[in-house]
Amino acid sequence: MSLGLVLYIEDSEAQREPLKMALENRGFKVEVAADVDAARKQIERLREQIDVIVLDMRLEDPKWPQLTGADVAIEYFNPR
C-alpha cells in the first residue's frame, strides 16, 4: 500500500536516486523529473494524484536558466 505520491524534481542523479529509493522503501510512490520540461510533463500527467513535491531550489536546466525549482512549484499552484 502506497503512502502517497511524491514528485521529486532534482537535476543531480547522484542526489535523486538515493532519496527516491529511500522514499520508496518507506512506502511512497515516487515519480522523478530531472529538468524543467520533465517536471512540467509529470505535473500535467499526475496533477490530481500528487501529494507532495520535493524540489531542487537550485535546479540547473540549461534550457531554462532563469527558472528555479520554486518557479516550477509556483506554476503548479498557479496554472495558466
C-alpha atoms as a PDB file:
ATOM      1  CA  MET A   1       0.000   0.000   0.000  1.00  0.00           C
ATOM      2  CA  SER A   2       1.368   3.389  -1.031  1.00  0.00           C
ATOM      3  CA  LEU A   3       1.504   6.222   1.492  1.00  0.00           C
ATOM      4  CA  GLY A   4       1.092   8.751  -1.308  1.00  0.00           C
ATOM      5  CA  LEU A   5       2.668  10.071  -4.474  1.00  0.00           C
ATOM      6  CA  VAL A   6       5.806  12.177  -4.290  1.00  0.00           C
ATOM      7  CA  LEU A   7       7.053  14.102  -7.306  1.00  0.00           C
ATOM      8  CA  TYR A   8      10.786  14.621  -6.885  1.00  0.00           C
ATOM      9  CA  ILE A   9      12.386  17.292  -9.094  1.00  0.00           C
ATOM     10  CA  GLU A  10      16.186  17.112  -8.962  1.00  0.00           C
ATOM     11  CA  ASP A  11      18.758  17.600 -11.712  1.00  0.00           C
ATOM     12  CA  SER A  12      21.532  15.641  -9.980  1.00  0.00           C
ATOM     13  CA  GLU A  13      21.154  11.894 -10.420  1.00  0.00           C
ATOM     14  CA  ALA A  14      23.599  11.337  -7.559  1.00  0.00           C
ATOM     15  CA  GLN A  15      21.129  13.053  -5.234  1.00  0.00           C
ATOM     16  CA  ARG A  16      17.923  11.971  -6.961  1.00  0.00           C
ATOM     17  CA  GLU A  17      18.357   8.194  -6.855  1.00  0.00           C
ATOM     18  CA  PRO A  18      19.194   7.714  -3.131  1.00  0.00           C
ATOM     19  CA  LEU A  19      16.247   9.819  -1.949  1.00  0.00           C
ATOM     20  CA  LYS A  20      13.922   8.153  -4.456  1.00  0.00           C
ATOM     21  CA  MET A  21      14.951   4.735  -3.162  1.00  0.00           C
ATOM     22  CA  ALA A  22      14.633   5.835   0.480  1.00  0.00           C
ATOM     23  CA  LEU A  23      11.111   7.164  -0.081  1.00  0.00           C
ATOM     24  CA  GLU A  24      10.065   4.034  -1.980  1.00  0.00           C
ATOM     25  CA  ASN A  25      11.481   1.833   0.792  1.00  0.00           C
ATOM     26  CA  ARG A  26       9.242   3.712   3.228  1.00  0.00           C
ATOM     27  CA  GLY A  27       6.129   3.052   1.149  1.00  0.00           C
ATOM     28  CA  PHE A  28       5.788   6.120  -1.065  1.00  0.00           C
ATOM     29  CA  LYS A  29       5.236   6.022  -4.794  1.00  0.00           C
ATOM     30  CA  VAL A  30       7.861   8.318  -6.340  1.00  0.00           C
ATOM     31  CA  GLU A  31       7.947   9.910  -9.772  1.00  0.00           C
ATOM     32  CA  VAL A  32      11.026  11.914 -10.744  1.00  0.00           C
ATOM     33  CA  ALA A  33      11.937  14.715 -13.108  1.00  0.00           C
ATOM     34  CA  ALA A  34      15.458  15.863 -13.914  1.00  0.00           C
ATOM     35  CA  ASP A  35      14.683  19.160 -15.643  1.00  0.00           C
ATOM     36  CA  VAL A  36      12.012  21.807 -16.083  1.00  0.00           C
ATOM     37  CA  ASP A  37      10.355  20.238 -19.127  1.00  0.00           C
ATOM     38  CA  ALA A  38      10.177  16.806 -17.479  1.00  0.00           C
ATOM     39  CA  ALA A  39       8.771  18.381 -14.306  1.00  0.00           C
ATOM     40  CA  ARG A  40       6.082  20.188 -16.274  1.00  0.00           C
ATOM     41  CA  LYS A  41       5.136  16.967 -18.071  1.00  0.00           C
ATOM     42  CA  GLN A  42       4.962  14.995 -14.816  1.00  0.00           C
ATOM     43  CA  ILE A  43       2.839  17.699 -13.184  1.00  0.00           C
ATOM     44  CA  GLU A  44       0.473  17.755 -16.151  1.00  0.00           C
ATOM     45  CA  ARG A  45       0.207  13.957 -16.177  1.00  0.00           C
ATOM     46  CA  LEU A  46      -0.120  13.492 -12.409  1.00  0.00           C
ATOM     47  CA  ARG A  47      -1.655  16.774 -11.220  1.00  0.00           C
ATOM     48  CA  GLU A  48      -4.586  15.288  -9.295  1.00  0.00           C
ATOM     49  CA  GLN A  49      -2.536  12.444  -7.812  1.00  0.00           C
ATOM     50  CA  ILE A  50       0.456  14.373  -6.393  1.00  0.00           C
ATOM     51  CA  ASP A  51       0.546  14.528  -2.602  1.00  0.00           C
ATOM     52  CA  VAL A  52       3.980  16.135  -2.158  1.00  0.00           C
ATOM     53  CA  ILE A  53       6.529  17.816  -4.417  1.00  0.00           C
ATOM     54  CA  VAL A  54      10.170  17.699  -3.326  1.00  0.00           C
ATOM     55  CA  LEU A  55      12.111  20.146  -5.436  1.00  0.00           C
ATOM     56  CA  ASP A  56      15.599  21.364  -6.087  1.00  0.00           C
ATOM     57  CA  MET A  57      15.721  25.069  -5.237  1.00  0.00           C
ATOM     58  CA  ARG A  58      18.849  25.429  -7.398  1.00  0.00           C
ATOM     59  CA  LEU A  59      17.566  23.434 -10.340  1.00  0.00           C
ATOM     60  CA  GLU A  60      20.089  23.810 -13.155  1.00  0.00           C
ATOM     61  CA  ASP A  61      18.491  23.476 -16.552  1.00  0.00           C
ATOM     62  CA  PRO A  62      20.438  24.976 -19.470  1.00  0.00           C
ATOM     63  CA  LYS A  63      17.218  25.337 -21.462  1.00  0.00           C
ATOM     64  CA  TRP A  64      15.562  27.337 -18.656  1.00  0.00           C
ATOM     65  CA  PRO A  65      18.452  29.029 -16.750  1.00  0.00           C
ATOM     66  CA  GLN A  66      16.164  31.666 -15.231  1.00  0.00           C
ATOM     67  CA  LEU A  67      13.876  29.112 -13.520  1.00  0.00           C
ATOM     68  CA  THR A  68      14.366  27.529 -10.117  1.00  0.00           C
ATOM     69  CA  GLY A  69      12.582  24.609  -8.527  1.00  0.00           C
ATOM     70  CA  ALA A  70      10.449  27.159  -6.702  1.00  0.00           C
ATOM     71  CA  ASP A  71       9.305  28.607 -10.035  1.00  0.00           C
ATOM     72  CA  VAL A  72       8.160  25.168 -11.164  1.00  0.00           C
ATOM     73  CA  ALA A  73       6.177  24.785  -7.913  1.00  0.00           C
ATOM     74  CA  ILE A  74       4.605  28.221  -8.388  1.00  0.00           C
ATOM     75  CA  GLU A  75       3.458  27.127 -11.843  1.00  0.00           C
ATOM     76  CA  TYR A  76       1.891  24.036 -10.241  1.00  0.00           C
ATOM     77  CA  PHE A  77      -0.090  26.077  -7.737  1.00  0.00           C
ATOM     78  CA  ASN A  78      -0.978  28.841 -10.230  1.00  0.00           C
ATOM     79  CA  PRO A  79      -1.713  27.123 -13.543  1.00  0.00           C
ATOM     80  CA  ARG A  80      -2.373  29.366 -16.519  1.00  0.00           C
END
